[in-house]
Amino acid sequence: MIEILKVDQLTKTYGKKGEKQYQALKGVTFSVEKGEFVGIMGASGSGKTTLLNILSTLDTPTSGSVLVNNQDITKLKKNKMADFRGKEIGFIFQDFNLLENLTNRENIALPLSLQNVKAREIGDKVEEIASRLGISQILDKYPGEISGGQKQRVASARALVHNPAILYGDEPTGALDSKSATELLETMKDLNKNDHVSILMVTHDPYSASYANRILFIKDGQIGKELKKDNKTGEEFYQEIIAELGRR
């Protein structure tokens, strides 16, 4: 299988030499194959946010490597980093991060506009992903005029419109009610299964995690236990996750 994301011996230490230091990541190693849906779970302070920030090029590691689509992002210069992020990485945030003064159509188009894609091509791609996510009817509204669930679908469309190598989710259901959360998770599962979108989702919620094919548990800056869904139902996998969390 093709590895879309390969993390090798990743460390992150905060604080200067000679001062008190804190090691947030301690030799983290794992990979995500093309078309895989992987969840990362861990308590507050476990290192999951630091890990996601490094994987998404928002922070730099102390040592180790991160390959996204065979490109080591830890070796990219700043000017190339932004360009790479804009082309290869999609990101769904907990709080949507939509620009309130832009229409939903303009929000979704933003990654393509920043890459100087032609207007007609942008229009076609926005319409295509909006149709896929069932939000065509709200494209010309503003974020303030739609529900939380619809906002997260717009944010998902923005994350996917440029066809990234991998989609990162940072607690993507955290600000949603249970119905909207389930709808978003079903959409992510559908995109993963039918469009082979590779997804890495950080979550503390066992219900959200049960939608993944595989879960990595991070504790004290290290990847420990791994759970695989295999042929289990969502409910069976959910109960297995709950049991594992109970042992921690």
Protein backbone atom coordinates (compact mmCIF):
# COMPACT_ATOMS: atom_id res chain seq x y z
CA MET A 1 0.00 0.00 0.00
CA ILE A 2 1.00 3.63 -0.57
CA GLU A 3 1.91 5.57 2.58
CA ILE A 4 0.38 9.05 2.42
CA LEU A 5 1.80 10.02 5.82
CA LYS A 6 4.93 8.59 7.40
CA VAL A 7 6.10 9.83 10.80
CA ASP A 8 9.47 8.59 12.04
CA GLN A 9 11.00 9.12 15.49
CA LEU A 10 9.34 12.50 15.96
CA THR A 11 10.35 14.48 19.04
CA LYS A 12 9.39 17.92 20.30
CA THR A 13 11.05 19.61 23.25
CA TYR A 14 9.98 23.01 24.55
CA GLY A 15 12.39 25.26 26.45
CA LYS A 16 15.98 26.33 25.86
CA LYS A 17 19.05 24.29 26.76
CA GLY A 18 20.17 25.01 30.29
CA GLU A 19 16.61 25.89 31.28
CA LYS A 20 13.76 23.67 32.39
CA GLN A 21 12.60 21.70 29.33
CA TYR A 22 9.43 19.81 28.56
CA GLN A 23 9.39 16.94 26.07
CA ALA A 24 5.94 16.91 24.44
CA LEU A 25 6.73 14.15 21.90
CA LYS A 26 9.12 11.27 22.53
CA GLY A 27 10.00 9.36 19.36
CA VAL A 28 6.56 9.07 17.77
CA THR A 29 6.49 6.68 14.78
CA PHE A 30 3.47 5.64 12.69
CA SER A 31 2.09 5.82 9.16
CA VAL A 32 -1.23 6.37 7.38
CA GLU A 33 -1.86 4.48 4.15
CA LYS A 34 -3.71 5.94 1.19
CA GLY A 35 -7.46 5.69 1.78
CA GLU A 36 -7.12 4.96 5.49
CA PHE A 37 -9.21 6.63 8.24
CA VAL A 38 -7.09 6.87 11.40
CA GLY A 39 -8.08 8.32 14.76
CA ILE A 40 -5.72 9.64 17.41
CA MET A 41 -6.92 9.67 21.01
CA GLY A 42 -5.26 10.95 24.15
CA ALA A 43 -5.95 12.90 27.32
CA SER A 44 -5.27 16.61 27.62
CA GLY A 45 -1.49 17.10 27.73
CA SER A 46 -0.77 13.76 26.04
CA GLY A 47 0.87 15.40 23.02
CA LYS A 48 -1.89 15.01 20.43
CA THR A 49 -2.24 18.75 19.72
CA THR A 50 1.54 19.17 19.40
CA LEU A 51 1.61 16.19 17.04
CA LEU A 52 -1.18 17.56 14.85
CA ASN A 53 0.43 21.01 14.72
CA ILE A 54 3.67 19.46 13.44
CA LEU A 55 1.90 17.20 10.92
CA SER A 56 0.05 20.21 9.52
CA THR A 57 3.27 22.33 9.29
CA LEU A 58 2.05 24.80 11.94
CA ASP A 59 4.96 23.80 14.21
CA THR A 60 8.40 22.27 13.71
CA PRO A 61 9.79 19.16 15.45
CA THR A 62 12.99 19.02 17.48
CA SER A 63 14.01 15.89 15.56
CA GLY A 64 12.56 13.18 13.35
CA SER A 65 10.84 13.29 9.98
CA VAL A 66 7.32 13.71 8.60
CA LEU A 67 6.67 12.62 5.02
CA VAL A 68 3.43 13.71 3.37
CA ASN A 69 3.07 12.29 -0.12
CA ASN A 70 6.80 11.40 -0.01
CA GLN A 71 7.83 14.99 0.79
CA ASP A 72 9.64 15.56 4.10
CA ILE A 73 7.83 18.63 5.41
CA THR A 74 10.45 19.16 8.14
CA LYS A 75 12.95 20.11 5.42
CA LEU A 76 10.76 22.63 3.59
CA LYS A 77 11.69 26.33 3.60
CA LYS A 78 9.02 28.72 4.91
CA ASN A 79 7.96 30.01 1.48
CA LYS A 80 7.53 26.46 0.14
CA MET A 81 5.84 25.29 3.35
CA ALA A 82 2.75 27.47 2.83
CA ASP A 83 2.48 26.39 -0.79
CA PHE A 84 2.81 22.71 0.16
CA ARG A 85 0.20 23.08 2.92
CA GLY A 86 -2.18 24.73 0.47
CA LYS A 87 -1.89 21.90 -2.04
CA GLU A 88 -1.42 18.72 -0.02
CA ILE A 89 -3.19 19.23 3.31
CA GLY A 90 -6.87 19.76 4.18
CA PHE A 91 -7.86 20.82 7.69
CA ILE A 92 -11.21 20.71 9.53
CA PHE A 93 -11.14 22.69 12.79
CA GLN A 94 -13.44 22.33 15.79
CA ASP A 95 -14.57 25.96 15.56
CA PHE A 96 -14.98 25.99 11.74
CA ASN A 97 -12.57 28.95 11.14
CA LEU A 98 -14.80 30.37 8.40
CA LEU A 99 -14.43 34.01 7.37
CA GLU A 100 -17.71 35.69 8.32
CA ASN A 101 -17.40 38.47 5.71
CA LEU A 102 -17.18 35.97 2.83
CA THR A 103 -20.05 33.89 1.44
CA ASN A 104 -19.86 30.15 1.90
CA ARG A 105 -18.97 29.86 -1.78
CA GLU A 106 -16.05 32.28 -1.31
CA ASN A 107 -14.91 30.45 1.85
CA ILE A 108 -14.80 27.13 0.01
CA ALA A 109 -12.97 28.71 -2.95
CA LEU A 110 -10.26 30.24 -0.76
CA PRO A 111 -7.60 27.47 -1.05
CA LEU A 112 -7.91 27.52 -4.85
CA SER A 113 -7.87 31.33 -5.01
CA LEU A 114 -4.62 31.36 -3.03
CA GLN A 115 -3.12 29.00 -5.62
CA ASN A 116 -4.19 31.32 -8.47
CA VAL A 117 -6.45 28.70 -10.05
CA LYS A 118 -8.56 30.09 -12.92
CA ALA A 119 -11.99 31.44 -11.93
CA ARG A 120 -13.99 29.02 -14.09
CA GLU A 121 -12.11 26.02 -12.70
CA ILE A 122 -12.66 27.31 -9.16
CA GLY A 123 -16.38 27.66 -9.82
CA ASP A 124 -16.65 24.12 -11.17
CA LYS A 125 -14.72 22.60 -8.27
CA VAL A 126 -16.72 24.49 -5.64
CA GLU A 127 -20.01 23.38 -7.21
CA GLU A 128 -18.78 19.78 -7.39
CA ILE A 129 -17.70 19.49 -3.74
CA ALA A 130 -20.76 21.43 -2.53
CA SER A 131 -23.03 19.00 -4.36
CA ARG A 132 -21.07 16.08 -2.88
CA LEU A 133 -21.61 17.43 0.65
CA GLY A 134 -25.21 18.52 0.10
CA ILE A 135 -24.69 22.26 0.62
CA SER A 136 -25.33 23.67 -2.89
CA GLN A 137 -28.39 25.56 -1.66
CA ILE A 138 -26.43 27.61 0.91
CA LEU A 139 -23.40 28.61 -1.19
CA ASP A 140 -24.48 32.24 -1.50
CA LYS A 141 -25.36 32.66 2.16
CA TYR A 142 -22.90 33.85 4.79
CA PRO A 143 -21.63 31.67 7.68
CA GLY A 144 -23.71 33.69 10.14
CA GLU A 145 -26.88 32.66 8.32
CA ILE A 146 -26.47 28.88 8.61
CA SER A 147 -26.45 26.22 11.36
CA GLY A 148 -23.39 24.75 13.07
CA GLY A 149 -23.75 21.51 11.14
CA GLN A 150 -23.91 23.39 7.86
CA LYS A 151 -20.87 25.48 8.86
CA GLN A 152 -18.87 22.31 9.43
CA ARG A 153 -19.92 21.00 6.01
CA VAL A 154 -18.75 24.26 4.43
CA ALA A 155 -15.47 23.93 6.36
CA SER A 156 -15.19 20.32 5.12
CA ALA A 157 -15.80 21.45 1.53
CA ARG A 158 -13.06 24.08 1.90
CA ALA A 159 -10.69 21.42 3.25
CA LEU A 160 -11.40 19.07 0.33
CA VAL A 161 -11.87 21.40 -2.67
CA HIS A 162 -8.18 21.28 -3.66
CA ASN A 163 -8.07 17.47 -3.46
CA PRO A 164 -5.43 17.25 -0.68
CA ALA A 165 -3.27 14.18 -0.08
CA ILE A 166 -4.59 13.96 3.48
CA LEU A 167 -7.40 15.48 5.52
CA TYR A 168 -6.71 16.37 9.16
CA GLY A 169 -9.58 16.77 11.62
CA ASP A 170 -8.99 18.54 14.92
CA GLU A 171 -11.94 17.54 17.15
CA PRO A 172 -14.20 18.22 14.12
CA THR A 173 -17.42 17.31 15.97
CA GLY A 174 -16.53 19.19 19.15
CA ALA A 175 -18.81 22.19 18.51
CA LEU A 176 -21.72 20.21 17.04
CA ASP A 177 -24.89 18.73 18.52
CA SER A 178 -25.21 14.94 18.34
CA LYS A 179 -27.31 14.92 15.14
CA SER A 180 -24.94 17.26 13.25
CA ALA A 181 -21.92 15.34 14.59
CA THR A 182 -23.30 12.05 13.27
CA GLU A 183 -24.06 13.64 9.89
CA LEU A 184 -20.49 14.97 9.62
CA LEU A 185 -18.98 11.62 10.66
CA GLU A 186 -21.14 9.77 8.13
CA THR A 187 -19.96 12.22 5.46
CA MET A 188 -16.32 11.67 6.42
CA LYS A 189 -16.83 7.89 6.37
CA ASP A 190 -18.47 8.15 2.95
CA LEU A 191 -15.64 10.32 1.56
CA ASN A 192 -13.12 7.86 2.95
CA LYS A 193 -14.87 4.76 1.61
CA ASN A 194 -16.08 5.98 -1.78
CA ASP A 195 -13.58 8.71 -2.68
CA HIS A 196 -10.59 7.13 -0.88
CA VAL A 197 -9.87 10.35 1.03
CA SER A 198 -7.12 9.68 3.59
CA ILE A 199 -8.16 11.03 7.00
CA LEU A 200 -6.34 11.56 10.30
CA MET A 201 -8.69 12.72 13.06
CA VAL A 202 -7.71 13.82 16.55
CA THR A 203 -10.55 13.33 19.00
CA HIS A 204 -11.27 12.64 22.66
CA ASP A 205 -14.77 11.38 21.80
CA PRO A 206 -15.10 7.57 21.57
CA TYR A 207 -18.21 7.84 19.38
CA SER A 208 -16.33 9.91 16.79
CA ALA A 209 -13.33 7.60 17.05
CA SER A 210 -15.53 4.57 16.30
CA TYR A 211 -15.87 5.83 12.70
CA ALA A 212 -12.14 5.34 12.10
CA ASN A 213 -10.59 2.11 10.77
CA ARG A 214 -7.75 2.28 13.26
CA ILE A 215 -7.06 4.21 16.46
CA LEU A 216 -3.69 5.22 17.90
CA PHE A 217 -3.59 6.10 21.59
CA ILE A 218 -1.04 8.72 22.60
CA LYS A 219 0.10 9.08 26.21
CA ASP A 220 2.97 11.12 27.64
CA GLY A 221 4.19 11.97 24.16
CA GLN A 222 4.35 8.38 22.92
CA ILE A 223 2.10 6.18 20.78
CA GLY A 224 1.10 3.17 22.83
CA LYS A 225 -1.89 0.95 22.19
CA GLU A 226 -3.43 0.57 18.73
CA LEU A 227 -6.96 -0.66 18.02
CA LYS A 228 -8.22 -1.85 14.63
CA LYS A 229 -11.87 -1.94 13.62
CA ASP A 230 -11.47 -4.86 11.19
CA ASN A 231 -14.92 -6.45 10.74
CA LYS A 232 -16.49 -5.07 13.91
CA THR A 233 -19.67 -3.01 13.76
CA GLY A 234 -19.51 0.64 14.80
CA GLU A 235 -21.17 -0.25 18.11
CA GLU A 236 -18.73 -3.11 18.82
CA PHE A 237 -15.76 -0.87 18.03
CA TYR A 238 -17.23 1.89 20.20
CA GLN A 239 -17.51 -0.50 23.16
CA GLU A 240 -13.91 -1.67 22.61
CA ILE A 241 -12.73 1.96 22.65
CA ILE A 242 -14.69 2.65 25.85
CA ALA A 243 -13.12 -0.41 27.49
CA GLU A 244 -9.63 0.67 26.45
CA LEU A 245 -10.16 4.21 27.77
CA GLY A 246 -11.34 2.70 31.03
CA ARG A 247 -8.00 0.93 31.42
CA ARG A 248 -6.02 4.18 31.14
